[in-house]
N, C-alpha and C. Protein backbone atom coordinates (compact mmCIF):
# COMPACT_ATOMS: atom_id res chain seq x y z
N MET A 1 117.85 -91.63 211.70
CA MET A 1 117.48 -91.92 213.06
C MET A 1 118.04 -90.87 214.01
N ASN A 2 119.28 -90.44 213.83
CA ASN A 2 119.86 -89.41 214.68
C ASN A 2 119.09 -88.10 214.57
N VAL A 3 118.57 -87.82 213.38
CA VAL A 3 117.80 -86.59 213.18
C VAL A 3 116.51 -86.66 214.00
N THR A 4 115.84 -87.79 214.02
CA THR A 4 114.60 -87.96 214.77
C THR A 4 114.86 -87.81 216.27
N ILE A 5 115.91 -88.41 216.75
CA ILE A 5 116.25 -88.32 218.18
C ILE A 5 116.57 -86.87 218.53
N ARG A 6 117.31 -86.19 217.65
CA ARG A 6 117.67 -84.78 217.88
C ARG A 6 116.42 -83.91 217.97
N ILE A 7 115.46 -84.08 217.10
CA ILE A 7 114.22 -83.30 217.09
C ILE A 7 113.43 -83.55 218.37
N VAL A 8 113.30 -84.80 218.76
CA VAL A 8 112.58 -85.15 219.98
C VAL A 8 113.28 -84.53 221.19
N HIS A 9 114.61 -84.61 221.21
CA HIS A 9 115.39 -84.04 222.31
C HIS A 9 115.18 -82.53 222.38
N ASP A 10 115.25 -81.82 221.23
CA ASP A 10 115.06 -80.37 221.19
C ASP A 10 113.66 -79.98 221.65
N ARG A 11 112.66 -80.75 221.22
CA ARG A 11 111.29 -80.47 221.65
C ARG A 11 111.13 -80.67 223.15
N ALA A 12 111.79 -81.66 223.69
CA ALA A 12 111.72 -81.90 225.14
C ALA A 12 112.36 -80.74 225.89
N LEU A 13 113.51 -80.24 225.41
CA LEU A 13 114.16 -79.09 226.05
C LEU A 13 113.28 -77.85 225.98
N ILE A 14 112.65 -77.62 224.84
CA ILE A 14 111.75 -76.47 224.71
C ILE A 14 110.58 -76.61 225.67
N GLY A 15 110.05 -77.80 225.78
CA GLY A 15 108.95 -78.05 226.71
C GLY A 15 109.35 -77.78 228.15
N ILE A 16 110.55 -78.21 228.53
CA ILE A 16 111.05 -77.98 229.88
C ILE A 16 111.26 -76.48 230.11
N GLN A 17 111.83 -75.79 229.14
CA GLN A 17 112.04 -74.36 229.27
C GLN A 17 110.70 -73.61 229.42
N CYS A 18 109.71 -73.99 228.63
CA CYS A 18 108.39 -73.37 228.74
C CYS A 18 107.80 -73.63 230.12
N TYR A 19 107.96 -74.82 230.63
CA TYR A 19 107.45 -75.18 231.94
C TYR A 19 108.13 -74.32 233.02
N LEU A 20 109.45 -74.17 232.94
CA LEU A 20 110.19 -73.37 233.92
C LEU A 20 109.78 -71.90 233.85
N ILE A 21 109.56 -71.38 232.65
CA ILE A 21 109.10 -70.00 232.50
C ILE A 21 107.71 -69.84 233.11
N ALA A 22 106.85 -70.81 232.90
CA ALA A 22 105.50 -70.76 233.47
C ALA A 22 105.54 -70.76 234.99
N ILE A 23 106.42 -71.55 235.57
CA ILE A 23 106.55 -71.59 237.03
C ILE A 23 107.04 -70.23 237.54
N GLN A 24 108.04 -69.66 236.87
CA GLN A 24 108.56 -68.36 237.27
C GLN A 24 107.48 -67.28 237.17
N PHE A 25 106.71 -67.30 236.08
CA PHE A 25 105.63 -66.33 235.91
C PHE A 25 104.59 -66.49 237.01
N ASP A 26 104.26 -67.72 237.35
CA ASP A 26 103.26 -67.97 238.40
C ASP A 26 103.75 -67.43 239.74
N LYS A 27 105.03 -67.59 240.04
CA LYS A 27 105.59 -67.06 241.28
C LYS A 27 105.49 -65.54 241.31
N MET A 28 105.81 -64.89 240.19
CA MET A 28 105.73 -63.44 240.11
C MET A 28 104.29 -62.97 240.27
N ARG A 29 103.37 -63.69 239.67
CA ARG A 29 101.96 -63.33 239.73
C ARG A 29 101.43 -63.39 241.15
N LYS A 30 101.96 -64.28 241.95
CA LYS A 30 101.50 -64.46 243.32
C LYS A 30 102.11 -63.48 244.30
N THR A 31 103.09 -62.72 243.86
CA THR A 31 103.71 -61.73 244.74
C THR A 31 102.92 -60.43 244.68
N ASN A 32 103.30 -59.47 245.52
CA ASN A 32 102.63 -58.18 245.53
C ASN A 32 102.84 -57.39 244.25
N LEU A 33 103.78 -57.82 243.41
CA LEU A 33 104.01 -57.12 242.16
C LEU A 33 102.77 -57.14 241.28
N SER A 34 101.94 -58.15 241.44
CA SER A 34 100.76 -58.25 240.60
C SER A 34 99.56 -57.53 241.20
N ARG A 35 99.66 -57.06 242.42
CA ARG A 35 98.56 -56.35 243.06
C ARG A 35 98.40 -54.98 242.42
N VAL A 36 97.20 -54.67 242.02
CA VAL A 36 96.93 -53.38 241.40
C VAL A 36 96.82 -52.32 242.51
N PRO A 37 97.62 -51.27 242.44
CA PRO A 37 97.54 -50.22 243.45
C PRO A 37 96.15 -49.56 243.45
N VAL A 38 95.69 -49.22 244.64
CA VAL A 38 94.40 -48.55 244.80
C VAL A 38 94.64 -47.09 245.15
N ILE A 39 94.03 -46.21 244.38
CA ILE A 39 94.15 -44.78 244.59
C ILE A 39 92.81 -44.28 245.14
N ALA A 40 92.84 -43.70 246.34
CA ALA A 40 91.63 -43.11 246.92
C ALA A 40 91.51 -41.67 246.42
N ILE A 41 90.30 -41.30 246.02
CA ILE A 41 90.05 -39.96 245.49
C ILE A 41 88.96 -39.31 246.34
N VAL A 42 89.31 -38.16 246.94
CA VAL A 42 88.37 -37.46 247.82
C VAL A 42 88.15 -36.05 247.26
N ASP A 43 86.91 -35.79 246.85
CA ASP A 43 86.56 -34.47 246.32
C ASP A 43 85.06 -34.29 246.44
N ASP A 44 84.63 -33.14 246.91
CA ASP A 44 83.20 -32.88 247.05
C ASP A 44 82.52 -32.54 245.72
N ASP A 45 83.30 -32.22 244.70
CA ASP A 45 82.76 -31.91 243.37
C ASP A 45 82.58 -33.22 242.60
N GLU A 46 81.32 -33.65 242.43
CA GLU A 46 81.05 -34.95 241.84
C GLU A 46 81.61 -35.09 240.42
N SER A 47 81.47 -34.07 239.60
CA SER A 47 81.97 -34.18 238.22
C SER A 47 83.49 -34.31 238.19
N PHE A 48 84.18 -33.56 239.04
CA PHE A 48 85.63 -33.67 239.09
C PHE A 48 86.05 -35.02 239.65
N ARG A 49 85.34 -35.47 240.67
CA ARG A 49 85.65 -36.78 241.28
C ARG A 49 85.49 -37.89 240.25
N ARG A 50 84.41 -37.84 239.48
CA ARG A 50 84.20 -38.87 238.44
C ARG A 50 85.26 -38.80 237.35
N ALA A 51 85.59 -37.60 236.92
CA ALA A 51 86.60 -37.44 235.87
C ALA A 51 87.97 -37.93 236.34
N THR A 52 88.32 -37.59 237.56
CA THR A 52 89.61 -38.02 238.10
C THR A 52 89.63 -39.54 238.27
N THR A 53 88.54 -40.09 238.76
CA THR A 53 88.44 -41.54 238.91
C THR A 53 88.60 -42.24 237.57
N SER A 54 87.93 -41.73 236.56
CA SER A 54 88.02 -42.32 235.21
C SER A 54 89.45 -42.23 234.68
N PHE A 55 90.09 -41.09 234.87
CA PHE A 55 91.46 -40.92 234.39
C PHE A 55 92.41 -41.88 235.09
N VAL A 56 92.31 -41.97 236.41
CA VAL A 56 93.20 -42.84 237.18
C VAL A 56 92.97 -44.31 236.78
N ARG A 57 91.74 -44.70 236.57
CA ARG A 57 91.45 -46.08 236.11
C ARG A 57 92.06 -46.33 234.73
N SER A 58 92.04 -45.31 233.87
CA SER A 58 92.61 -45.48 232.52
C SER A 58 94.11 -45.74 232.58
N LEU A 59 94.73 -45.37 233.69
CA LEU A 59 96.16 -45.63 233.89
C LEU A 59 96.42 -47.04 234.42
N GLY A 60 95.35 -47.77 234.71
CA GLY A 60 95.49 -49.15 235.16
C GLY A 60 95.42 -49.33 236.67
N TYR A 61 95.08 -48.29 237.41
CA TYR A 61 95.00 -48.38 238.86
C TYR A 61 93.56 -48.66 239.30
N GLY A 62 93.43 -49.24 240.47
CA GLY A 62 92.13 -49.37 241.09
C GLY A 62 91.81 -48.04 241.77
N THR A 63 90.53 -47.77 241.95
CA THR A 63 90.14 -46.51 242.59
C THR A 63 89.06 -46.74 243.64
N ALA A 64 88.99 -45.81 244.56
CA ALA A 64 87.92 -45.74 245.54
C ALA A 64 87.63 -44.25 245.72
N ALA A 65 86.42 -43.83 245.38
CA ALA A 65 86.08 -42.41 245.40
C ALA A 65 85.18 -42.07 246.57
N PHE A 66 85.40 -40.89 247.15
CA PHE A 66 84.65 -40.43 248.32
C PHE A 66 84.29 -38.96 248.14
N ASP A 67 83.10 -38.60 248.62
CA ASP A 67 82.64 -37.22 248.48
C ASP A 67 83.05 -36.32 249.65
N SER A 68 83.70 -36.91 250.65
CA SER A 68 84.17 -36.10 251.78
C SER A 68 85.33 -36.79 252.47
N ALA A 69 86.07 -35.99 253.22
CA ALA A 69 87.19 -36.53 254.00
C ALA A 69 86.69 -37.50 255.06
N VAL A 70 85.56 -37.15 255.69
CA VAL A 70 84.99 -38.00 256.74
C VAL A 70 84.59 -39.36 256.16
N ALA A 71 83.98 -39.36 254.98
CA ALA A 71 83.58 -40.63 254.35
C ALA A 71 84.80 -41.52 254.10
N PHE A 72 85.90 -40.91 253.68
CA PHE A 72 87.13 -41.68 253.47
C PHE A 72 87.66 -42.22 254.79
N LEU A 73 87.73 -41.38 255.81
CA LEU A 73 88.26 -41.81 257.11
C LEU A 73 87.44 -42.94 257.74
N GLU A 74 86.15 -42.96 257.46
CA GLU A 74 85.28 -43.99 258.02
C GLU A 74 85.27 -45.28 257.19
N SER A 75 85.97 -45.28 256.07
CA SER A 75 85.98 -46.45 255.19
C SER A 75 87.17 -47.37 255.49
N ASP A 76 87.11 -48.58 254.95
CA ASP A 76 88.22 -49.53 255.07
C ASP A 76 89.39 -49.15 254.17
N ARG A 77 89.16 -48.28 253.21
CA ARG A 77 90.21 -47.89 252.27
C ARG A 77 91.35 -47.11 252.93
N VAL A 78 91.10 -46.57 254.09
CA VAL A 78 92.17 -45.86 254.82
C VAL A 78 93.35 -46.79 255.02
N ARG A 79 93.07 -48.05 255.29
CA ARG A 79 94.13 -49.02 255.57
C ARG A 79 94.78 -49.62 254.33
N ASP A 80 94.03 -49.71 253.22
CA ASP A 80 94.61 -50.42 252.08
C ASP A 80 94.84 -49.57 250.83
N ALA A 81 94.53 -48.28 250.87
CA ALA A 81 94.83 -47.42 249.73
C ALA A 81 96.34 -47.21 249.63
N ASP A 82 96.82 -47.11 248.41
CA ASP A 82 98.25 -46.91 248.18
C ASP A 82 98.62 -45.44 248.02
N CYS A 83 97.61 -44.63 247.74
CA CYS A 83 97.83 -43.20 247.53
C CYS A 83 96.49 -42.50 247.68
N LEU A 84 96.53 -41.24 248.06
CA LEU A 84 95.33 -40.42 248.20
C LEU A 84 95.45 -39.18 247.34
N ILE A 85 94.43 -38.96 246.51
CA ILE A 85 94.29 -37.71 245.77
C ILE A 85 93.13 -36.98 246.42
N THR A 86 93.36 -35.75 246.88
CA THR A 86 92.29 -35.02 247.57
C THR A 86 92.26 -33.55 247.19
N ASP A 87 91.06 -33.00 247.24
CA ASP A 87 90.87 -31.57 247.09
C ASP A 87 91.34 -30.91 248.38
N VAL A 88 91.60 -29.62 248.31
CA VAL A 88 92.00 -28.89 249.52
C VAL A 88 90.76 -28.36 250.23
N GLN A 89 89.93 -27.61 249.50
CA GLN A 89 88.77 -26.97 250.12
C GLN A 89 87.53 -27.83 249.93
N MET A 90 87.06 -28.38 251.05
CA MET A 90 85.84 -29.19 251.07
C MET A 90 85.08 -28.85 252.33
N PRO A 91 83.75 -28.98 252.29
CA PRO A 91 82.98 -28.74 253.51
C PRO A 91 83.27 -29.79 254.58
N GLY A 92 83.17 -29.38 255.82
CA GLY A 92 83.38 -30.32 256.93
C GLY A 92 84.83 -30.43 257.33
N MET A 93 85.62 -31.04 256.51
CA MET A 93 87.04 -31.22 256.78
C MET A 93 87.82 -30.95 255.49
N THR A 94 88.80 -30.08 255.57
CA THR A 94 89.59 -29.77 254.39
C THR A 94 90.57 -30.91 254.08
N GLY A 95 91.16 -30.85 252.90
CA GLY A 95 92.17 -31.84 252.55
C GLY A 95 93.39 -31.75 253.44
N ILE A 96 93.75 -30.53 253.84
CA ILE A 96 94.90 -30.34 254.75
C ILE A 96 94.59 -30.98 256.10
N GLU A 97 93.38 -30.78 256.60
CA GLU A 97 92.98 -31.40 257.86
C GLU A 97 92.95 -32.93 257.73
N LEU A 98 92.53 -33.42 256.57
CA LEU A 98 92.53 -34.87 256.32
C LEU A 98 93.96 -35.41 256.39
N GLN A 99 94.88 -34.73 255.75
CA GLN A 99 96.28 -35.15 255.80
C GLN A 99 96.79 -35.17 257.25
N ASP A 100 96.47 -34.12 258.00
CA ASP A 100 96.89 -34.06 259.41
C ASP A 100 96.30 -35.22 260.21
N ARG A 101 95.03 -35.52 259.98
CA ARG A 101 94.36 -36.61 260.70
C ARG A 101 95.00 -37.96 260.37
N LEU A 102 95.30 -38.17 259.09
CA LEU A 102 95.94 -39.43 258.68
C LEU A 102 97.29 -39.59 259.38
N ILE A 103 98.06 -38.53 259.41
CA ILE A 103 99.37 -38.57 260.07
C ILE A 103 99.20 -38.85 261.55
N ALA A 104 98.24 -38.17 262.19
CA ALA A 104 98.00 -38.37 263.63
C ALA A 104 97.58 -39.80 263.94
N GLN A 105 96.88 -40.45 263.00
CA GLN A 105 96.43 -41.83 263.20
C GLN A 105 97.48 -42.85 262.79
N GLY A 106 98.62 -42.37 262.33
CA GLY A 106 99.72 -43.29 261.98
C GLY A 106 99.68 -43.82 260.56
N HIS A 107 98.83 -43.26 259.72
CA HIS A 107 98.77 -43.69 258.32
C HIS A 107 99.77 -42.88 257.51
N ARG A 108 100.70 -43.56 256.91
CA ARG A 108 101.72 -42.89 256.09
C ARG A 108 101.36 -43.00 254.61
N LEU A 109 100.19 -42.55 254.28
CA LEU A 109 99.65 -42.62 252.93
C LEU A 109 100.16 -41.44 252.10
N PRO A 110 100.78 -41.70 250.95
CA PRO A 110 101.21 -40.58 250.10
C PRO A 110 99.98 -39.78 249.64
N VAL A 111 100.08 -38.45 249.72
CA VAL A 111 98.95 -37.58 249.40
C VAL A 111 99.32 -36.65 248.24
N ILE A 112 98.37 -36.54 247.30
CA ILE A 112 98.47 -35.59 246.19
C ILE A 112 97.27 -34.65 246.31
N PHE A 113 97.54 -33.36 246.37
CA PHE A 113 96.47 -32.38 246.44
C PHE A 113 96.19 -31.81 245.05
N ILE A 114 94.90 -31.65 244.75
CA ILE A 114 94.49 -30.98 243.52
C ILE A 114 93.45 -29.95 243.95
N THR A 115 93.69 -28.69 243.61
CA THR A 115 92.82 -27.63 244.10
C THR A 115 92.56 -26.55 243.07
N ALA A 116 91.38 -25.95 243.15
CA ALA A 116 91.05 -24.80 242.31
C ALA A 116 91.59 -23.51 242.92
N PHE A 117 92.02 -23.60 244.17
CA PHE A 117 92.52 -22.43 244.90
C PHE A 117 93.93 -22.71 245.42
N PRO A 118 94.94 -22.63 244.55
CA PRO A 118 96.31 -22.97 244.96
C PRO A 118 96.96 -21.87 245.80
N GLU A 119 96.56 -21.82 247.05
CA GLU A 119 97.09 -20.82 247.98
C GLU A 119 98.49 -21.22 248.44
N VAL A 120 99.37 -20.24 248.55
CA VAL A 120 100.76 -20.48 248.93
C VAL A 120 100.85 -21.10 250.33
N LYS A 121 100.06 -20.60 251.27
CA LYS A 121 100.11 -21.10 252.65
C LYS A 121 99.67 -22.57 252.71
N ALA A 122 98.58 -22.91 252.01
CA ALA A 122 98.09 -24.30 252.01
C ALA A 122 99.11 -25.22 251.34
N ARG A 123 99.70 -24.74 250.25
CA ARG A 123 100.72 -25.55 249.55
C ARG A 123 101.90 -25.82 250.47
N ALA A 124 102.38 -24.79 251.14
CA ALA A 124 103.53 -24.95 252.03
C ALA A 124 103.21 -25.92 253.16
N GLN A 125 102.02 -25.81 253.72
CA GLN A 125 101.61 -26.70 254.81
C GLN A 125 101.54 -28.15 254.33
N ALA A 126 100.96 -28.36 253.15
CA ALA A 126 100.81 -29.71 252.62
C ALA A 126 102.17 -30.34 252.31
N ILE A 127 103.03 -29.59 251.66
CA ILE A 127 104.35 -30.10 251.28
C ILE A 127 105.20 -30.35 252.52
N THR A 128 105.14 -29.45 253.50
CA THR A 128 105.88 -29.63 254.75
C THR A 128 105.45 -30.91 255.46
N ALA A 129 104.17 -31.24 255.38
CA ALA A 129 103.65 -32.45 256.02
C ALA A 129 103.90 -33.71 255.18
N GLY A 130 104.53 -33.54 254.01
CA GLY A 130 104.92 -34.71 253.23
C GLY A 130 104.13 -34.97 251.96
N ALA A 131 103.30 -34.05 251.52
CA ALA A 131 102.53 -34.26 250.29
C ALA A 131 103.47 -34.49 249.10
N ILE A 132 103.04 -35.36 248.21
CA ILE A 132 103.82 -35.66 247.01
C ILE A 132 103.67 -34.53 245.99
N GLY A 133 102.48 -33.97 245.89
CA GLY A 133 102.23 -32.93 244.90
C GLY A 133 101.11 -32.01 245.33
N PHE A 134 101.08 -30.83 244.72
CA PHE A 134 100.06 -29.83 244.99
C PHE A 134 99.74 -29.21 243.64
N LEU A 135 98.74 -29.77 242.97
CA LEU A 135 98.42 -29.38 241.60
C LEU A 135 97.20 -28.46 241.55
N ALA A 136 97.21 -27.53 240.60
CA ALA A 136 96.09 -26.60 240.42
C ALA A 136 95.14 -27.15 239.37
N LYS A 137 93.83 -26.99 239.65
CA LYS A 137 92.81 -27.36 238.66
C LYS A 137 92.73 -26.25 237.62
N PRO A 138 92.58 -26.55 236.36
CA PRO A 138 92.68 -27.90 235.79
C PRO A 138 94.14 -28.34 235.77
N PHE A 139 94.37 -29.59 236.14
CA PHE A 139 95.74 -30.08 236.25
C PHE A 139 96.20 -30.70 234.93
N ASP A 140 97.52 -30.74 234.79
CA ASP A 140 98.16 -31.36 233.64
C ASP A 140 98.21 -32.86 233.88
N ASP A 141 97.71 -33.66 232.93
CA ASP A 141 97.71 -35.12 233.09
C ASP A 141 99.09 -35.67 233.42
N GLN A 142 100.11 -35.16 232.74
CA GLN A 142 101.47 -35.65 232.97
C GLN A 142 101.96 -35.31 234.38
N GLY A 143 101.52 -34.17 234.90
CA GLY A 143 101.89 -33.80 236.26
C GLY A 143 101.31 -34.78 237.28
N LEU A 144 100.04 -35.17 237.07
CA LEU A 144 99.43 -36.13 237.98
C LEU A 144 100.07 -37.51 237.83
N ILE A 145 100.37 -37.90 236.61
CA ILE A 145 101.04 -39.19 236.39
C ILE A 145 102.39 -39.22 237.11
N ALA A 146 103.14 -38.14 237.01
CA ALA A 146 104.45 -38.07 237.69
C ALA A 146 104.27 -38.17 239.20
N CYS A 147 103.25 -37.49 239.73
CA CYS A 147 103.00 -37.56 241.18
C CYS A 147 102.60 -38.97 241.59
N LEU A 148 101.75 -39.63 240.82
CA LEU A 148 101.34 -41.00 241.13
C LEU A 148 102.54 -41.95 241.10
N ASP A 149 103.38 -41.79 240.08
CA ASP A 149 104.59 -42.63 240.00
C ASP A 149 105.45 -42.46 241.24
N GLU A 150 105.66 -41.22 241.65
CA GLU A 150 106.49 -40.98 242.84
C GLU A 150 105.82 -41.52 244.10
N ALA A 151 104.51 -41.30 244.21
CA ALA A 151 103.78 -41.78 245.40
C ALA A 151 103.86 -43.29 245.52
N LEU A 152 103.68 -43.99 244.41
CA LEU A 152 103.69 -45.45 244.46
C LEU A 152 105.09 -46.01 244.65
N THR A 153 106.08 -45.27 244.21
CA THR A 153 107.47 -45.66 244.46
C THR A 153 107.78 -45.52 245.94
N ARG A 154 107.31 -44.44 246.55
CA ARG A 154 107.53 -44.21 247.99
C ARG A 154 106.80 -45.23 248.85
N SER A 155 105.58 -45.61 248.42
CA SER A 155 104.79 -46.50 249.27
C SER A 155 105.26 -47.94 249.20
N ASN A 156 106.12 -48.28 248.25
CA ASN A 156 106.63 -49.66 248.15
C ASN A 156 107.89 -49.85 248.91
């Protein structure tokens, strides 16, 4: 009889522990920790934009892709993106000008530049204005991952 009571008691404790763990998990799930970061990608080169979007999604992030700086600025993603990956040289508005505009509008969005033309002057301007990274195309996957990690750490 004592053995039966002991087994029932142990099962009840396990059940209570599982219930408490489930409550704790549910609380964590409802916090911002469970929100998937959104990475905005701005590049006029469609193939590069698609490839970068696919790569960033493979890392588990949400993405929003734009073919121009103006398209990004006119979107709702300006307010809710967690990081911006942008080309430097684009028609209409450059990536550097986009960064300047975001700062002027009060958006403190971490920016990562990826460019086929890694000019020293543009790099210095971007980094001085607070860019997380300035990568040359073709970029190293690990370099972009490191920049994303830093950007998302800063934005939290």
